[in-house]
Amino acid sequence: MRKLLLHPLAKPLVFTLCLLPLAWLVYAAVSNQLGANPAEALIRSTGDWTLRALCLVLAVTPLRVLTSTPQMARFRRMLGLFVFFYALLHLLCYSWFDMGFEVSDIAVDIAKRPFILVGFAAFVLLVLMAATSFNRAIRALGAKRWQALHRTVYAVAGLAVLHFFWMRAGKNDFGEVAVYAAILAMLLGWRVWQAARRRSVKAGTAAAASR
């Protein structure tokens, strides 16, 4: 597995796999397979794939640790950028099909509807992370500030689930919301457990050193 993850074709393969949802949506749109309301289908589908990509990028670290394959970390930046990519497509589909790219109407809609507001807030955080995902930005910000900024991915996860919840509240359909919420809660809970474990080890080490 480690050799496969380090293979020169591994990154191009992951990149291609991440583009498959977009390829399917384009094909479905061209071949009229998006149902009675293609615009809504595109908005919903791009939102769904944003959530799925977010779950995937948050799963990289737990999988890397649990399977002892540090090579997985080399895909995290790419996957994070695909979260932003699908979120951008989601926003563009909403701005185009629902609002006709009318900036004033979009601004009013963001202020008026809470689920649009939290979705837009999550997108702003994703923009900041995408813009600082490169080595030059890491050097400019410094490691600590860069890490603090990119920990806002946890806030993005919470806002994304809240956005999805409020969007489905009108139809009283929370099945998918519960699935994504459970997955993200487990992934974030693992991080909390790991952080508590590290603090406990440090405290034990400090106590032993003071004896």
C-alpha atoms as a PDB file:
ATOM      1  CA  MET A   1       0.000   0.000   0.000  1.00  0.00           C
ATOM      2  CA  ARG A   2       2.791   2.441   0.888  1.00  0.00           C
ATOM      3  CA  LYS A   3       4.512   1.795  -2.442  1.00  0.00           C
ATOM      4  CA  LEU A   4       1.244   2.331  -4.308  1.00  0.00           C
ATOM      5  CA  LEU A   5       0.621   5.634  -2.520  1.00  0.00           C
ATOM      6  CA  LEU A   6       4.089   6.834  -3.530  1.00  0.00           C
ATOM      7  CA  HIS A   7       3.727   5.718  -7.154  1.00  0.00           C
ATOM      8  CA  PRO A   8       4.106   8.598  -9.671  1.00  0.00           C
ATOM      9  CA  LEU A   9       0.654   7.818 -11.073  1.00  0.00           C
ATOM     10  CA  ALA A  10      -1.069   7.873  -7.675  1.00  0.00           C
ATOM     11  CA  LYS A  11      -1.750  11.616  -7.654  1.00  0.00           C
ATOM     12  CA  PRO A  12      -2.997  11.786 -11.270  1.00  0.00           C
ATOM     13  CA  LEU A  13      -5.279   8.840 -10.511  1.00  0.00           C
ATOM     14  CA  VAL A  14      -6.750  10.506  -7.407  1.00  0.00           C
ATOM     15  CA  PHE A  15      -7.140  13.752  -9.375  1.00  0.00           C
ATOM     16  CA  THR A  16      -9.042  11.919 -12.128  1.00  0.00           C
ATOM     17  CA  LEU A  17     -11.280  10.128  -9.628  1.00  0.00           C
ATOM     18  CA  CYS A  18     -12.140  13.452  -7.987  1.00  0.00           C
ATOM     19  CA  LEU A  19     -13.232  14.823 -11.371  1.00  0.00           C
ATOM     20  CA  LEU A  20     -15.552  11.908 -12.143  1.00  0.00           C
ATOM     21  CA  PRO A  21     -18.576  13.455 -10.335  1.00  0.00           C
ATOM     22  CA  LEU A  22     -18.213  16.595 -12.466  1.00  0.00           C
ATOM     23  CA  ALA A  23     -17.870  14.507 -15.619  1.00  0.00           C
ATOM     24  CA  TRP A  24     -21.055  12.624 -14.739  1.00  0.00           C
ATOM     25  CA  LEU A  25     -22.978  15.851 -14.042  1.00  0.00           C
ATOM     26  CA  VAL A  26     -21.883  17.353 -17.363  1.00  0.00           C
ATOM     27  CA  TYR A  27     -22.863  14.173 -19.201  1.00  0.00           C
ATOM     28  CA  ALA A  28     -26.201  13.998 -17.383  1.00  0.00           C
ATOM     29  CA  ALA A  29     -26.949  17.638 -18.194  1.00  0.00           C
ATOM     30  CA  VAL A  30     -26.105  17.211 -21.894  1.00  0.00           C
ATOM     31  CA  SER A  31     -28.097  13.975 -22.188  1.00  0.00           C
ATOM     32  CA  ASN A  32     -31.115  15.294 -20.217  1.00  0.00           C
ATOM     33  CA  GLN A  33     -30.743  12.808 -17.363  1.00  0.00           C
ATOM     34  CA  LEU A  34     -31.085  15.270 -14.481  1.00  0.00           C
ATOM     35  CA  GLY A  35     -34.831  14.867 -14.073  1.00  0.00           C
ATOM     36  CA  ALA A  36     -37.680  17.345 -14.299  1.00  0.00           C
ATOM     37  CA  ASN A  37     -35.692  20.155 -12.662  1.00  0.00           C
ATOM     38  CA  PRO A  38     -32.103  20.044 -13.970  1.00  0.00           C
ATOM     39  CA  ALA A  39     -31.117  23.328 -12.289  1.00  0.00           C
ATOM     40  CA  GLU A  40     -32.122  22.091  -8.844  1.00  0.00           C
ATOM     41  CA  ALA A  41     -30.435  18.755  -9.502  1.00  0.00           C
ATOM     42  CA  LEU A  42     -27.152  20.495 -10.323  1.00  0.00           C
ATOM     43  CA  ILE A  43     -27.339  22.727  -7.251  1.00  0.00           C
ATOM     44  CA  ARG A  44     -28.105  19.794  -4.952  1.00  0.00           C
ATOM     45  CA  SER A  45     -25.559  17.456  -6.550  1.00  0.00           C
ATOM     46  CA  THR A  46     -22.671  19.910  -6.343  1.00  0.00           C
ATOM     47  CA  GLY A  47     -23.579  20.547  -2.700  1.00  0.00           C
ATOM     48  CA  ASP A  48     -23.654  16.814  -2.001  1.00  0.00           C
ATOM     49  CA  TRP A  49     -20.234  16.325  -3.584  1.00  0.00           C
ATOM     50  CA  THR A  50     -18.832  19.198  -1.552  1.00  0.00           C
ATOM     51  CA  LEU A  51     -19.908  17.416   1.625  1.00  0.00           C
ATOM     52  CA  ARG A  52     -18.535  14.091   0.419  1.00  0.00           C
ATOM     53  CA  ALA A  53     -15.187  15.664  -0.465  1.00  0.00           C
ATOM     54  CA  LEU A  54     -15.120  17.345   2.951  1.00  0.00           C
ATOM     55  CA  CYS A  55     -15.697  13.996   4.680  1.00  0.00           C
ATOM     56  CA  LEU A  56     -12.936  12.471   2.555  1.00  0.00           C
ATOM     57  CA  VAL A  57     -10.335  15.142   3.337  1.00  0.00           C
ATOM     58  CA  LEU A  58     -11.129  14.965   7.062  1.00  0.00           C
ATOM     59  CA  ALA A  59     -10.734  11.178   6.922  1.00  0.00           C
ATOM     60  CA  VAL A  60      -7.156  11.372   5.609  1.00  0.00           C
ATOM     61  CA  THR A  61      -5.471  11.970   8.970  1.00  0.00           C
ATOM     62  CA  PRO A  62      -7.392   9.282  10.927  1.00  0.00           C
ATOM     63  CA  LEU A  63      -6.763   6.747   8.162  1.00  0.00           C
ATOM     64  CA  ARG A  64      -3.109   7.748   7.966  1.00  0.00           C
ATOM     65  CA  VAL A  65      -2.650   7.239  11.710  1.00  0.00           C
ATOM     66  CA  LEU A  66      -4.772   4.114  12.108  1.00  0.00           C
ATOM     67  CA  THR A  67      -3.201   2.335   9.131  1.00  0.00           C
ATOM     68  CA  SER A  68       0.336   3.636   9.750  1.00  0.00           C
ATOM     69  CA  THR A  69       0.559   4.993   6.203  1.00  0.00           C
ATOM     70  CA  PRO A  70       1.970   8.527   6.436  1.00  0.00           C
ATOM     71  CA  GLN A  71       2.110   8.559   2.630  1.00  0.00           C
ATOM     72  CA  MET A  72      -1.607   9.413   2.602  1.00  0.00           C
ATOM     73  CA  ALA A  73      -0.765  12.936   3.723  1.00  0.00           C
ATOM     74  CA  ARG A  74       0.507  13.777   0.223  1.00  0.00           C
ATOM     75  CA  PHE A  75      -3.091  13.715  -1.066  1.00  0.00           C
ATOM     76  CA  ARG A  76      -4.604  15.954   1.608  1.00  0.00           C
ATOM     77  CA  ARG A  77      -3.909  19.286  -0.115  1.00  0.00           C
ATOM     78  CA  MET A  78      -5.351  18.081  -3.409  1.00  0.00           C
ATOM     79  CA  LEU A  79      -8.478  16.728  -1.725  1.00  0.00           C
ATOM     80  CA  GLY A  80      -8.888  19.971   0.215  1.00  0.00           C
ATOM     81  CA  LEU A  81      -8.753  21.953  -3.017  1.00  0.00           C
ATOM     82  CA  PHE A  82     -11.424  19.687  -4.473  1.00  0.00           C
ATOM     83  CA  VAL A  83     -13.659  20.566  -1.509  1.00  0.00           C
ATOM     84  CA  PHE A  84     -13.253  24.206  -2.523  1.00  0.00           C
ATOM     85  CA  PHE A  85     -13.755  23.337  -6.201  1.00  0.00           C
ATOM     86  CA  TYR A  86     -17.100  21.614  -5.647  1.00  0.00           C
ATOM     87  CA  ALA A  87     -18.198  24.324  -3.187  1.00  0.00           C
ATOM     88  CA  LEU A  88     -17.403  26.907  -5.884  1.00  0.00           C
ATOM     89  CA  LEU A  89     -19.456  24.943  -8.435  1.00  0.00           C
ATOM     90  CA  HIS A  90     -22.298  24.765  -5.883  1.00  0.00           C
ATOM     91  CA  LEU A  91     -22.205  28.542  -5.409  1.00  0.00           C
ATOM     92  CA  LEU A  92     -21.993  29.179  -9.157  1.00  0.00           C
ATOM     93  CA  CYS A  93     -24.969  26.893  -9.859  1.00  0.00           C
ATOM     94  CA  TYR A  94     -27.039  28.688  -7.197  1.00  0.00           C
ATOM     95  CA  SER A  95     -25.941  32.135  -8.450  1.00  0.00           C
ATOM     96  CA  TRP A  96     -26.718  31.233 -12.058  1.00  0.00           C
ATOM     97  CA  PHE A  97     -29.808  29.042 -11.968  1.00  0.00           C
ATOM     98  CA  ASP A  98     -31.560  30.521  -8.927  1.00  0.00           C
ATOM     99  CA  MET A  99     -30.428  34.148  -9.056  1.00  0.00           C
ATOM    100  CA  GLY A 100     -29.384  34.793 -12.663  1.00  0.00           C
ATOM    101  CA  PHE A 101     -26.047  36.215 -11.474  1.00  0.00           C
ATOM    102  CA  GLU A 102     -27.847  39.272 -10.045  1.00  0.00           C
ATOM    103  CA  VAL A 103     -25.381  40.354  -7.358  1.00  0.00           C
ATOM    104  CA  SER A 104     -27.879  42.560  -5.509  1.00  0.00           C
ATOM    105  CA  ASP A 105     -30.443  39.747  -5.379  1.00  0.00           C
ATOM    106  CA  ILE A 106     -27.799  37.314  -4.177  1.00  0.00           C
ATOM    107  CA  ALA A 107     -26.761  39.709  -1.391  1.00  0.00           C
ATOM    108  CA  VAL A 108     -30.384  40.122  -0.288  1.00  0.00           C
ATOM    109  CA  ASP A 109     -30.940  36.357  -0.384  1.00  0.00           C
ATOM    110  CA  ILE A 110     -27.831  35.725   1.736  1.00  0.00           C
ATOM    111  CA  ALA A 111     -29.016  38.228   4.341  1.00  0.00           C
ATOM    112  CA  LYS A 112     -32.619  36.987   4.292  1.00  0.00           C
ATOM    113  CA  ARG A 113     -32.230  33.206   4.418  1.00  0.00           C
ATOM    114  CA  PRO A 114     -30.153  31.710   7.279  1.00  0.00           C
ATOM    115  CA  PHE A 115     -29.235  28.506   5.429  1.00  0.00           C
ATOM    116  CA  ILE A 116     -27.803  30.554   2.551  1.00  0.00           C
ATOM    117  CA  LEU A 117     -25.909  32.731   5.043  1.00  0.00           C
ATOM    118  CA  VAL A 118     -24.189  29.812   6.807  1.00  0.00           C
ATOM    119  CA  GLY A 119     -23.406  28.186   3.467  1.00  0.00           C
ATOM    120  CA  PHE A 120     -21.791  31.406   2.255  1.00  0.00           C
ATOM    121  CA  ALA A 121     -19.837  31.734   5.519  1.00  0.00           C
ATOM    122  CA  ALA A 122     -18.473  28.207   4.996  1.00  0.00           C
ATOM    123  CA  PHE A 123     -17.479  29.151   1.440  1.00  0.00           C
ATOM    124  CA  VAL A 124     -15.597  32.267   2.636  1.00  0.00           C
ATOM    125  CA  LEU A 125     -13.570  30.083   5.017  1.00  0.00           C
ATOM    126  CA  LEU A 126     -12.861  27.661   2.181  1.00  0.00           C
ATOM    127  CA  VAL A 127     -11.625  30.561   0.023  1.00  0.00           C
ATOM    128  CA  LEU A 128      -9.168  31.563   2.769  1.00  0.00           C
ATOM    129  CA  MET A 129      -7.898  28.003   3.108  1.00  0.00           C
ATOM    130  CA  ALA A 130      -7.623  27.455  -0.649  1.00  0.00           C
ATOM    131  CA  ALA A 131      -5.752  30.739  -1.089  1.00  0.00           C
ATOM    132  CA  THR A 132      -3.236  29.742   1.603  1.00  0.00           C
ATOM    133  CA  SER A 133      -2.829  26.092   0.675  1.00  0.00           C
ATOM    134  CA  PHE A 134       0.500  26.588  -1.084  1.00  0.00           C
ATOM    135  CA  ASN A 135       4.040  26.453   0.286  1.00  0.00           C
ATOM    136  CA  ARG A 136       4.626  30.168  -0.261  1.00  0.00           C
ATOM    137  CA  ALA A 137       1.594  31.000   1.894  1.00  0.00           C
ATOM    138  CA  ILE A 138       2.818  28.643   4.625  1.00  0.00           C
ATOM    139  CA  ARG A 139       6.178  30.430   4.684  1.00  0.00           C
ATOM    140  CA  ALA A 140       4.525  33.864   4.657  1.00  0.00           C
ATOM    141  CA  LEU A 141       2.075  33.091   7.477  1.00  0.00           C
ATOM    142  CA  GLY A 142       4.343  30.929   9.583  1.00  0.00           C
ATOM    143  CA  ALA A 143       3.511  27.383  10.586  1.00  0.00           C
ATOM    144  CA  LYS A 144       1.470  28.220  13.702  1.00  0.00           C
ATOM    145  CA  ARG A 145      -0.744  30.844  12.069  1.00  0.00           C
ATOM    146  CA  TRP A 146      -1.173  28.665   8.995  1.00  0.00           C
ATOM    147  CA  GLN A 147      -2.254  25.703  11.123  1.00  0.00           C
ATOM    148  CA  ALA A 148      -4.662  27.903  13.104  1.00  0.00           C
ATOM    149  CA  LEU A 149      -6.236  29.160   9.863  1.00  0.00           C
ATOM    150  CA  HIS A 150      -6.608  25.674   8.420  1.00  0.00           C
ATOM    151  CA  ARG A 151      -8.194  24.349  11.600  1.00  0.00           C
ATOM    152  CA  THR A 152     -11.228  26.381  10.554  1.00  0.00           C
ATOM    153  CA  VAL A 153     -12.042  23.346   8.418  1.00  0.00           C
ATOM    154  CA  TYR A 154     -13.830  22.136  11.556  1.00  0.00           C
ATOM    155  CA  ALA A 155     -16.011  25.261  11.456  1.00  0.00           C
ATOM    156  CA  VAL A 156     -16.616  24.624   7.752  1.00  0.00           C
ATOM    157  CA  ALA A 157     -17.816  21.107   8.579  1.00  0.00           C
ATOM    158  CA  GLY A 158     -20.261  22.425  11.189  1.00  0.00           C
ATOM    159  CA  LEU A 159     -21.559  25.189   8.922  1.00  0.00           C
ATOM    160  CA  ALA A 160     -21.927  22.768   5.994  1.00  0.00           C
ATOM    161  CA  VAL A 161     -24.056  20.368   8.034  1.00  0.00           C
ATOM    162  CA  LEU A 162     -26.141  23.265   9.384  1.00  0.00           C
ATOM    163  CA  HIS A 163     -26.614  24.556   5.833  1.00  0.00           C
ATOM    164  CA  PHE A 164     -27.769  21.110   4.711  1.00  0.00           C
ATOM    165  CA  PHE A 165     -30.030  20.721   7.763  1.00  0.00           C
ATOM    166  CA  TRP A 166     -31.835  24.022   7.235  1.00  0.00           C
ATOM    167  CA  MET A 167     -32.140  23.354   3.525  1.00  0.00           C
ATOM    168  CA  ARG A 168     -33.858  20.018   4.198  1.00  0.00           C
ATOM    169  CA  ALA A 169     -35.957  21.351   7.099  1.00  0.00           C
ATOM    170  CA  GLY A 170     -38.596  22.695   4.705  1.00  0.00           C
ATOM    171  CA  LYS A 171     -39.256  19.164   3.440  1.00  0.00           C
ATOM    172  CA  ASN A 172     -38.757  17.531   6.842  1.00  0.00           C
ATOM    173  CA  ASP A 173     -36.211  15.204   5.259  1.00  0.00           C
ATOM    174  CA  PHE A 174     -33.246  14.662   7.577  1.00  0.00           C
ATOM    175  CA  GLY A 175     -32.048  11.175   6.621  1.00  0.00           C
ATOM    176  CA  GLU A 176     -29.022  12.248   4.580  1.00  0.00           C
ATOM    177  CA  VAL A 177     -28.304  15.094   6.992  1.00  0.00           C
ATOM    178  CA  ALA A 178     -28.021  12.592   9.854  1.00  0.00           C
ATOM    179  CA  VAL A 179     -25.588  10.425   7.855  1.00  0.00           C
ATOM    180  CA  TYR A 180     -23.231  13.318   7.056  1.00  0.00           C
ATOM    181  CA  ALA A 181     -23.535  14.707  10.587  1.00  0.00           C
ATOM    182  CA  ALA A 182     -22.645  11.305  12.068  1.00  0.00           C
ATOM    183  CA  ILE A 183     -19.631  10.863   9.758  1.00  0.00           C
ATOM    184  CA  LEU A 184     -18.288  14.352  10.461  1.00  0.00           C
ATOM    185  CA  ALA A 185     -18.954  13.975  14.202  1.00  0.00           C
ATOM    186  CA  MET A 186     -16.912  10.760  14.270  1.00  0.00           C
ATOM    187  CA  LEU A 187     -14.059  12.321  12.312  1.00  0.00           C
ATOM    188  CA  LEU A 188     -13.967  15.435  14.484  1.00  0.00           C
ATOM    189  CA  GLY A 189     -14.465  13.363  17.642  1.00  0.00           C
ATOM    190  CA  TRP A 190     -11.406  11.328  16.736  1.00  0.00           C
ATOM    191  CA  ARG A 191      -9.374  14.526  16.550  1.00  0.00           C
ATOM    192  CA  VAL A 192     -10.641  15.673  19.958  1.00  0.00           C
ATOM    193  CA  TRP A 193      -9.710  12.288  21.426  1.00  0.00           C
ATOM    194  CA  GLN A 194      -6.244  12.456  19.854  1.00  0.00           C
ATOM    195  CA  ALA A 195      -5.673  15.976  21.196  1.00  0.00           C
ATOM    196  CA  ALA A 196      -6.760  14.915  24.703  1.00  0.00           C
ATOM    197  CA  ARG A 197      -4.499  11.882  24.482  1.00  0.00           C
ATOM    198  CA  ARG A 198      -1.502  14.031  23.499  1.00  0.00           C
ATOM    199  CA  ARG A 199      -2.160  16.428  26.380  1.00  0.00           C
ATOM    200  CA  SER A 200      -2.370  13.492  28.795  1.00  0.00           C
ATOM    201  CA  VAL A 201       0.941  12.082  27.551  1.00  0.00           C
ATOM    202  CA  LYS A 202       2.627  15.477  27.862  1.00  0.00           C
ATOM    203  CA  ALA A 203       1.262  15.958  31.361  1.00  0.00           C
ATOM    204  CA  GLY A 204       2.488  12.501  32.357  1.00  0.00           C
ATOM    205  CA  THR A 205       5.923  13.176  30.885  1.00  0.00           C
ATOM    206  CA  ALA A 206       6.166  16.523  32.676  1.00  0.00           C
ATOM    207  CA  ALA A 207       5.083  14.953  35.975  1.00  0.00           C
ATOM    208  CA  ALA A 208       7.675  12.167  35.620  1.00  0.00           C
ATOM    209  CA  ALA A 209      10.412  14.688  34.820  1.00  0.00           C
ATOM    210  CA  SER A 210       9.629  16.764  37.907  1.00  0.00           C
ATOM    211  CA  ARG A 211      10.048  13.855  40.287  1.00  0.00           C
END
